[in-house]
Amino acid sequence: MDILYFAWVRERIGTDREQLDPPEEVVDLLGLIAWLAKRSSGHMSALGDTACLRAAIDQKFVTLDASIAGAREVAIFPPVTGG
């Protein structure tokens, strides 16, 4: 699975993407984010507060309780504002 990071999430983690295979027990975005947060202090800094995160699966915006079954790409980013 490709995991993409944007804006300050990318900056805190130190990379814009990772290719990872989450364990079978990780079935939704909240579980994926919790699993990712354990990878490093940068991951924890970026992903520790899910209220500050938004996500997309295969380029479609989803809620954080969405299933990741069959996902090829997950993007994680902060809320976006227009102007």
PDB file of N, CA and C in Angstrom:
ATOM      1  N   MET A   1       0.840  -1.161   0.000  1.00  0.00           N
ATOM      2  CA  MET A   1       0.000   0.000   0.000  1.00  0.00           C
ATOM      3  C   MET A   1       0.896   1.239   0.000  1.00  0.00           C
ATOM      4  N   ASP A   2       0.590   2.193  -0.867  1.00  0.00           N
ATOM      5  CA  ASP A   2       1.277   3.482  -0.858  1.00  0.00           C
ATOM      6  C   ASP A   2       0.593   4.384   0.153  1.00  0.00           C
ATOM      7  N   ILE A   3       1.382   4.979   1.040  1.00  0.00           N
ATOM      8  CA  ILE A   3       0.849   5.930   2.002  1.00  0.00           C
ATOM      9  C   ILE A   3       1.513   7.268   1.715  1.00  0.00           C
ATOM     10  N   LEU A   4       0.696   8.269   1.410  1.00  0.00           N
ATOM     11  CA  LEU A   4       1.170   9.594   1.043  1.00  0.00           C
ATOM     12  C   LEU A   4       0.898  10.569   2.176  1.00  0.00           C
ATOM     13  N   TYR A   5       1.856  11.472   2.412  1.00  0.00           N
ATOM     14  CA  TYR A   5       1.719  12.476   3.459  1.00  0.00           C
ATOM     15  C   TYR A   5       1.847  13.861   2.829  1.00  0.00           C
ATOM     16  N   PHE A   6       1.037  14.807   3.321  1.00  0.00           N
ATOM     17  CA  PHE A   6       1.036  16.155   2.770  1.00  0.00           C
ATOM     18  C   PHE A   6       1.170  17.204   3.865  1.00  0.00           C
ATOM     19  N   ALA A   7       1.684  18.376   3.473  1.00  0.00           N
ATOM     20  CA  ALA A   7       1.798  19.569   4.318  1.00  0.00           C
ATOM     21  C   ALA A   7       2.607  19.269   5.584  1.00  0.00           C
ATOM     22  N   TRP A   8       2.137  19.746   6.748  1.00  0.00           N
ATOM     23  CA  TRP A   8       2.925  19.558   7.961  1.00  0.00           C
ATOM     24  C   TRP A   8       3.009  18.094   8.391  1.00  0.00           C
ATOM     25  N   VAL A   9       2.103  17.256   7.939  1.00  0.00           N
ATOM     26  CA  VAL A   9       2.210  15.816   8.231  1.00  0.00           C
ATOM     27  C   VAL A   9       3.500  15.290   7.592  1.00  0.00           C
ATOM     28  N   ARG A  10       3.714  15.632   6.326  1.00  0.00           N
ATOM     29  CA  ARG A  10       4.932  15.237   5.605  1.00  0.00           C
ATOM     30  C   ARG A  10       6.172  15.792   6.302  1.00  0.00           C
ATOM     31  N   GLU A  11       6.107  17.051   6.693  1.00  0.00           N
ATOM     32  CA  GLU A  11       7.275  17.686   7.322  1.00  0.00           C
ATOM     33  C   GLU A  11       7.655  17.007   8.633  1.00  0.00           C
ATOM     34  N   ARG A  12       6.683  16.669   9.439  1.00  0.00           N
ATOM     35  CA  ARG A  12       6.969  16.029  10.732  1.00  0.00           C
ATOM     36  C   ARG A  12       7.476  14.605  10.568  1.00  0.00           C
ATOM     37  N   ILE A  13       6.948  13.880   9.583  1.00  0.00           N
ATOM     38  CA  ILE A  13       7.385  12.501   9.361  1.00  0.00           C
ATOM     39  C   ILE A  13       8.736  12.468   8.652  1.00  0.00           C
ATOM     40  N   GLY A  14       8.953  13.440   7.758  1.00  0.00           N
ATOM     41  CA  GLY A  14      10.244  13.522   7.075  1.00  0.00           C
ATOM     42  C   GLY A  14      10.265  12.860   5.713  1.00  0.00           C
ATOM     43  N   THR A  15       9.105  12.461   5.215  1.00  0.00           N
ATOM     44  CA  THR A  15       9.009  11.879   3.882  1.00  0.00           C
ATOM     45  C   THR A  15       7.612  12.134   3.338  1.00  0.00           C
ATOM     46  N   ASP A  16       7.493  12.092   2.025  1.00  0.00           N
ATOM     47  CA  ASP A  16       6.171  12.324   1.438  1.00  0.00           C
ATOM     48  C   ASP A  16       5.427  11.035   1.124  1.00  0.00           C
ATOM     49  N   ARG A  17       6.100   9.885   1.234  1.00  0.00           N
ATOM     50  CA  ARG A  17       5.412   8.619   0.956  1.00  0.00           C
ATOM     51  C   ARG A  17       6.172   7.451   1.548  1.00  0.00           C
ATOM     52  N   GLU A  18       5.412   6.391   1.814  1.00  0.00           N
ATOM     53  CA  GLU A  18       5.979   5.119   2.258  1.00  0.00           C
ATOM     54  C   GLU A  18       5.213   4.005   1.566  1.00  0.00           C
ATOM     55  N   GLN A  19       5.902   2.929   1.283  1.00  0.00           N
ATOM     56  CA  GLN A  19       5.273   1.710   0.744  1.00  0.00           C
ATOM     57  C   GLN A  19       5.294   0.698   1.882  1.00  0.00           C
ATOM     58  N   LEU A  20       4.107   0.386   2.434  1.00  0.00           N
ATOM     59  CA  LEU A  20       4.020  -0.473   3.608  1.00  0.00           C
ATOM     60  C   LEU A  20       2.915  -1.504   3.462  1.00  0.00           C
ATOM     61  N   ASP A  21       3.056  -2.597   4.176  1.00  0.00           N
ATOM     62  CA  ASP A  21       2.016  -3.619   4.270  1.00  0.00           C
ATOM     63  C   ASP A  21       1.575  -3.696   5.719  1.00  0.00           C
ATOM     64  N   PRO A  22       0.455  -3.055   6.059  1.00  0.00           N
ATOM     65  CA  PRO A  22      -0.014  -3.114   7.451  1.00  0.00           C
ATOM     66  C   PRO A  22      -0.389  -4.537   7.843  1.00  0.00           C
ATOM     67  N   PRO A  23      -0.306  -4.846   9.131  1.00  0.00           N
ATOM     68  CA  PRO A  23      -0.711  -6.179   9.579  1.00  0.00           C
ATOM     69  C   PRO A  23      -2.209  -6.405   9.356  1.00  0.00           C
ATOM     70  N   GLU A  24      -2.613  -7.652   9.316  1.00  0.00           N
ATOM     71  CA  GLU A  24      -4.006  -8.024   9.036  1.00  0.00           C
ATOM     72  C   GLU A  24      -5.004  -7.411  10.002  1.00  0.00           C
ATOM     73  N   GLU A  25      -4.589  -7.189  11.249  1.00  0.00           N
ATOM     74  CA  GLU A  25      -5.529  -6.640  12.231  1.00  0.00           C
ATOM     75  C   GLU A  25      -5.835  -5.153  12.009  1.00  0.00           C
ATOM     76  N   VAL A  26      -5.079  -4.508  11.145  1.00  0.00           N
ATOM     77  CA  VAL A  26      -5.348  -3.101  10.800  1.00  0.00           C
ATOM     78  C   VAL A  26      -6.370  -3.102   9.666  1.00  0.00           C
ATOM     79  N   VAL A  27      -7.611  -2.717   9.982  1.00  0.00           N
ATOM     80  CA  VAL A  27      -8.701  -2.847   9.013  1.00  0.00           C
ATOM     81  C   VAL A  27      -9.321  -1.514   8.580  1.00  0.00           C
ATOM     82  N   ASP A  28      -9.018  -0.435   9.324  1.00  0.00           N
ATOM     83  CA  ASP A  28      -9.593   0.861   8.964  1.00  0.00           C
ATOM     84  C   ASP A  28      -8.531   1.949   9.110  1.00  0.00           C
ATOM     85  N   LEU A  29      -8.891   3.162   8.709  1.00  0.00           N
ATOM     86  CA  LEU A  29      -7.924   4.252   8.758  1.00  0.00           C
ATOM     87  C   LEU A  29      -7.464   4.575  10.167  1.00  0.00           C
ATOM     88  N   LEU A  30      -8.364   4.562  11.128  1.00  0.00           N
ATOM     89  CA  LEU A  30      -7.948   4.836  12.506  1.00  0.00           C
ATOM     90  C   LEU A  30      -6.916   3.825  12.979  1.00  0.00           C
ATOM     91  N   GLY A  31      -7.119   2.564  12.650  1.00  0.00           N
ATOM     92  CA  GLY A  31      -6.146   1.533  12.997  1.00  0.00           C
ATOM     93  C   GLY A  31      -4.831   1.730  12.273  1.00  0.00           C
ATOM     94  N   LEU A  32      -4.912   2.108  11.004  1.00  0.00           N
ATOM     95  CA  LEU A  32      -3.698   2.361  10.216  1.00  0.00           C
ATOM     96  C   LEU A  32      -2.915   3.530  10.808  1.00  0.00           C
ATOM     97  N   ILE A  33      -3.619   4.599  11.132  1.00  0.00           N
ATOM     98  CA  ILE A  33      -2.949   5.773  11.702  1.00  0.00           C
ATOM     99  C   ILE A  33      -2.302   5.419  13.036  1.00  0.00           C
ATOM    100  N   ALA A  34      -2.987   4.668  13.883  1.00  0.00           N
ATOM    101  CA  ALA A  34      -2.412   4.244  15.165  1.00  0.00           C
ATOM    102  C   ALA A  34      -1.169   3.385  14.949  1.00  0.00           C
ATOM    103  N   TRP A  35      -1.233   2.492  13.986  1.00  0.00           N
ATOM    104  CA  TRP A  35      -0.084   1.628  13.664  1.00  0.00           C
ATOM    105  C   TRP A  35       1.080   2.465  13.129  1.00  0.00           C
ATOM    106  N   LEU A  36       0.786   3.396  12.236  1.00  0.00           N
ATOM    107  CA  LEU A  36       1.829   4.261  11.685  1.00  0.00           C
ATOM    108  C   LEU A  36       2.467   5.132  12.758  1.00  0.00           C
ATOM    109  N   ALA A  37       1.668   5.620  13.691  1.00  0.00           N
ATOM    110  CA  ALA A  37       2.173   6.518  14.735  1.00  0.00           C
ATOM    111  C   ALA A  37       3.266   5.862  15.577  1.00  0.00           C
ATOM    112  N   LYS A  38       3.286   4.541  15.620  1.00  0.00           N
ATOM    113  CA  LYS A  38       4.289   3.814  16.396  1.00  0.00           C
ATOM    114  C   LYS A  38       5.621   3.657  15.666  1.00  0.00           C
ATOM    115  N   ARG A  39       5.688   4.078  14.409  1.00  0.00           N
ATOM    116  CA  ARG A  39       6.897   3.859  13.609  1.00  0.00           C
ATOM    117  C   ARG A  39       8.072   4.741  14.029  1.00  0.00           C
ATOM    118  N   SER A  40       7.803   5.962  14.490  1.00  0.00           N
ATOM    119  CA  SER A  40       8.887   6.862  14.895  1.00  0.00           C
ATOM    120  C   SER A  40       8.304   8.030  15.676  1.00  0.00           C
ATOM    121  N   SER A  41       9.178   8.815  16.284  1.00  0.00           N
ATOM    122  CA  SER A  41       8.700  10.004  16.997  1.00  0.00           C
ATOM    123  C   SER A  41       8.099  11.013  16.022  1.00  0.00           C
ATOM    124  N   GLY A  42       8.619  11.099  14.812  1.00  0.00           N
ATOM    125  CA  GLY A  42       8.050  11.977  13.796  1.00  0.00           C
ATOM    126  C   GLY A  42       6.649  11.543  13.402  1.00  0.00           C
ATOM    127  N   HIS A  43       6.453  10.239  13.244  1.00  0.00           N
ATOM    128  CA  HIS A  43       5.123   9.710  12.941  1.00  0.00           C
ATOM    129  C   HIS A  43       4.155  10.040  14.088  1.00  0.00           C
ATOM    130  N   MET A  44       4.610   9.858  15.329  1.00  0.00           N
ATOM    131  CA  MET A  44       3.744  10.145  16.477  1.00  0.00           C
ATOM    132  C   MET A  44       3.401  11.631  16.517  1.00  0.00           C
ATOM    133  N   SER A  45       4.360  12.481  16.248  1.00  0.00           N
ATOM    134  CA  SER A  45       4.109  13.917  16.245  1.00  0.00           C
ATOM    135  C   SER A  45       3.070  14.295  15.192  1.00  0.00           C
ATOM    136  N   ALA A  46       3.154  13.687  14.026  1.00  0.00           N
ATOM    137  CA  ALA A  46       2.252  14.013  12.921  1.00  0.00           C
ATOM    138  C   ALA A  46       0.887  13.353  13.065  1.00  0.00           C
ATOM    139  N   LEU A  47       0.843  12.149  13.614  1.00  0.00           N
ATOM    140  CA  LEU A  47      -0.375  11.342  13.564  1.00  0.00           C
ATOM    141  C   LEU A  47      -1.035  11.126  14.916  1.00  0.00           C
ATOM    142  N   GLY A  48      -0.449  11.668  15.972  1.00  0.00           N
ATOM    143  CA  GLY A  48      -0.940  11.421  17.317  1.00  0.00           C
ATOM    144  C   GLY A  48      -2.313  11.982  17.621  1.00  0.00           C
ATOM    145  N   ASP A  49      -2.700  13.056  16.947  1.00  0.00           N
ATOM    146  CA  ASP A  49      -4.009  13.670  17.186  1.00  0.00           C
ATOM    147  C   ASP A  49      -4.859  13.541  15.926  1.00  0.00           C
ATOM    148  N   THR A  50      -5.707  12.522  15.882  1.00  0.00           N
ATOM    149  CA  THR A  50      -6.485  12.261  14.669  1.00  0.00           C
ATOM    150  C   THR A  50      -7.513  13.352  14.382  1.00  0.00           C
ATOM    151  N   ALA A  51      -7.850  14.178  15.372  1.00  0.00           N
ATOM    152  CA  ALA A  51      -8.791  15.283  15.127  1.00  0.00           C
ATOM    153  C   ALA A  51      -8.204  16.303  14.153  1.00  0.00           C
ATOM    154  N   CYS A  52      -6.888  16.279  13.998  1.00  0.00           N
ATOM    155  CA  CYS A  52      -6.207  17.225  13.101  1.00  0.00           C
ATOM    156  C   CYS A  52      -5.900  16.613  11.738  1.00  0.00           C
ATOM    157  N   LEU A  53      -6.490  15.470  11.430  1.00  0.00           N
ATOM    158  CA  LEU A  53      -6.157  14.768  10.194  1.00  0.00           C
ATOM    159  C   LEU A  53      -7.379  14.540   9.313  1.00  0.00           C
ATOM    160  N   ARG A  54      -7.130  14.483   8.038  1.00  0.00           N
ATOM    161  CA  ARG A  54      -8.118  14.090   7.039  1.00  0.00           C
ATOM    162  C   ARG A  54      -7.439  13.030   6.180  1.00  0.00           C
ATOM    163  N   ALA A  55      -8.234  12.310   5.374  1.00  0.00           N
ATOM    164  CA  ALA A  55      -7.636  11.233   4.583  1.00  0.00           C
ATOM    165  C   ALA A  55      -8.418  10.986   3.299  1.00  0.00           C
ATOM    166  N   ALA A  56      -7.732  10.339   2.387  1.00  0.00           N
ATOM    167  CA  ALA A  56      -8.346   9.877   1.148  1.00  0.00           C
ATOM    168  C   ALA A  56      -7.846   8.465   0.884  1.00  0.00           C
ATOM    169  N   ILE A  57      -8.728   7.646   0.345  1.00  0.00           N
ATOM    170  CA  ILE A  57      -8.356   6.298  -0.090  1.00  0.00           C
ATOM    171  C   ILE A  57      -8.557   6.253  -1.590  1.00  0.00           C
ATOM    172  N   ASP A  58      -7.494   5.884  -2.288  1.00  0.00           N
ATOM    173  CA  ASP A  58      -7.522   5.818  -3.752  1.00  0.00           C
ATOM    174  C   ASP A  58      -8.134   7.094  -4.346  1.00  0.00           C
ATOM    175  N   GLN A  59      -7.685   8.237  -3.806  1.00  0.00           N
ATOM    176  CA  GLN A  59      -8.020   9.584  -4.268  1.00  0.00           C
ATOM    177  C   GLN A  59      -9.470   9.993  -4.028  1.00  0.00           C
ATOM    178  N   LYS A  60     -10.131   9.370  -3.053  1.00  0.00           N
ATOM    179  CA  LYS A  60     -11.490   9.756  -2.668  1.00  0.00           C
ATOM    180  C   LYS A  60     -11.495  10.088  -1.180  1.00  0.00           C
ATOM    181  N   PHE A  61     -11.982  11.285  -0.840  1.00  0.00           N
ATOM    182  CA  PHE A  61     -12.060  11.676   0.562  1.00  0.00           C
ATOM    183  C   PHE A  61     -12.937  10.701   1.342  1.00  0.00           C
ATOM    184  N   VAL A  62     -12.475  10.335   2.527  1.00  0.00           N
ATOM    185  CA  VAL A  62     -13.205   9.394   3.384  1.00  0.00           C
ATOM    186  C   VAL A  62     -13.103   9.844   4.838  1.00  0.00           C
ATOM    187  N   THR A  63     -13.974   9.292   5.669  1.00  0.00           N
ATOM    188  CA  THR A  63     -13.858   9.525   7.103  1.00  0.00           C
ATOM    189  C   THR A  63     -12.806   8.579   7.668  1.00  0.00           C
ATOM    190  N   LEU A  64     -12.314   8.912   8.853  1.00  0.00           N
ATOM    191  CA  LEU A  64     -11.230   8.119   9.426  1.00  0.00           C
ATOM    192  C   LEU A  64     -11.661   6.731   9.899  1.00  0.00           C
ATOM    193  N   ASP A  65     -12.961   6.462   9.919  1.00  0.00           N
ATOM    194  CA  ASP A  65     -13.402   5.109  10.274  1.00  0.00           C
ATOM    195  C   ASP A  65     -13.598   4.227   9.038  1.00  0.00           C
ATOM    196  N   ALA A  66     -13.195   4.726   7.868  1.00  0.00           N
ATOM    197  CA  ALA A  66     -13.354   3.977   6.617  1.00  0.00           C
ATOM    198  C   ALA A  66     -12.438   2.750   6.578  1.00  0.00           C
ATOM    199  N   SER A  67     -12.935   1.705   5.962  1.00  0.00           N
ATOM    200  CA  SER A  67     -12.169   0.471   5.774  1.00  0.00           C
ATOM    201  C   SER A  67     -11.028   0.709   4.794  1.00  0.00           C
ATOM    202  N   ILE A  68      -9.900   0.044   5.037  1.00  0.00           N
ATOM    203  CA  ILE A  68      -8.781   0.122   4.094  1.00  0.00           C
ATOM    204  C   ILE A  68      -8.684  -1.149   3.243  1.00  0.00           C
ATOM    205  N   ALA A  69      -9.673  -2.015   3.336  1.00  0.00           N
ATOM    206  CA  ALA A  69      -9.661  -3.254   2.552  1.00  0.00           C
ATOM    207  C   ALA A  69      -9.567  -2.934   1.075  1.00  0.00           C
ATOM    208  N   GLY A  70      -8.584  -3.502   0.419  1.00  0.00           N
ATOM    209  CA  GLY A  70      -8.403  -3.312  -1.014  1.00  0.00           C
ATOM    210  C   GLY A  70      -7.774  -1.990  -1.422  1.00  0.00           C
ATOM    211  N   ALA A  71      -7.433  -1.145  -0.459  1.00  0.00           N
ATOM    212  CA  ALA A  71      -6.849   0.161  -0.787  1.00  0.00           C
ATOM    213  C   ALA A  71      -5.459  -0.002  -1.394  1.00  0.00           C
ATOM    214  N   ARG A  72      -5.217   0.731  -2.455  1.00  0.00           N
ATOM    215  CA  ARG A  72      -3.887   0.775  -3.058  1.00  0.00           C
ATOM    216  C   ARG A  72      -3.111   1.990  -2.573  1.00  0.00           C
ATOM    217  N   GLU A  73      -3.851   3.075  -2.262  1.00  0.00           N
ATOM    218  CA  GLU A  73      -3.208   4.318  -1.861  1.00  0.00           C
ATOM    219  C   GLU A  73      -4.021   4.985  -0.755  1.00  0.00           C
ATOM    220  N   VAL A  74      -3.329   5.426   0.277  1.00  0.00           N
ATOM    221  CA  VAL A  74      -3.941   6.192   1.355  1.00  0.00           C
ATOM    222  C   VAL A  74      -3.171   7.501   1.475  1.00  0.00           C
ATOM    223  N   ALA A  75      -3.889   8.608   1.464  1.00  0.00           N
ATOM    224  CA  ALA A  75      -3.279   9.922   1.651  1.00  0.00           C
ATOM    225  C   ALA A  75      -3.739  10.476   2.994  1.00  0.00           C
ATOM    226  N   ILE A  76      -2.801  11.018   3.740  1.00  0.00           N
ATOM    227  CA  ILE A  76      -3.098  11.601   5.046  1.00  0.00           C
ATOM    228  C   ILE A  76      -2.616  13.041   5.030  1.00  0.00           C
ATOM    229  N   PHE A  77      -3.479  13.961   5.466  1.00  0.00           N
ATOM    230  CA  PHE A  77      -3.168  15.379   5.371  1.00  0.00           C
ATOM    231  C   PHE A  77      -3.954  16.154   6.406  1.00  0.00           C
ATOM    232  N   PRO A  78      -3.551  17.397   6.687  1.00  0.00           N
ATOM    233  CA  PRO A  78      -4.317  18.233   7.609  1.00  0.00           C
ATOM    234  C   PRO A  78      -5.571  18.765   6.925  1.00  0.00           C
ATOM    235  N   PRO A  79      -6.510  19.274   7.707  1.00  0.00           N
ATOM    236  CA  PRO A  79      -7.702  19.889   7.084  1.00  0.00           C
ATOM    237  C   PRO A  79      -7.274  20.988   6.118  1.00  0.00           C
ATOM    238  N   VAL A  80      -8.031  21.148   5.080  1.00  0.00           N
ATOM    239  CA  VAL A  80      -7.698  22.131   4.050  1.00  0.00           C
ATOM    240  C   VAL A  80      -8.747  23.230   4.079  1.00  0.00           C
ATOM    241  N   THR A  81      -8.300  24.459   3.934  1.00  0.00           N
ATOM    242  CA  THR A  81      -9.253  25.567   3.852  1.00  0.00           C
ATOM    243  C   THR A  81      -9.094  26.259   2.524  1.00  0.00           C
ATOM    244  N   GLY A  82     -10.164  26.804   2.068  1.00  0.00           N
ATOM    245  CA  GLY A  82     -10.128  27.559   0.809  1.00  0.00           C
ATOM    246  C   GLY A  82     -10.122  29.046   1.094  1.00  0.00           C
ATOM    247  N   GLY A  83      -9.946  29.820   0.043  1.00  0.00           N
ATOM    248  CA  GLY A  83      -9.932  31.236   0.321  1.00  0.00           C
ATOM    249  C   GLY A  83      -9.964  32.057  -0.917  1.00  0.00           C
TER     250      GLY A  83
END
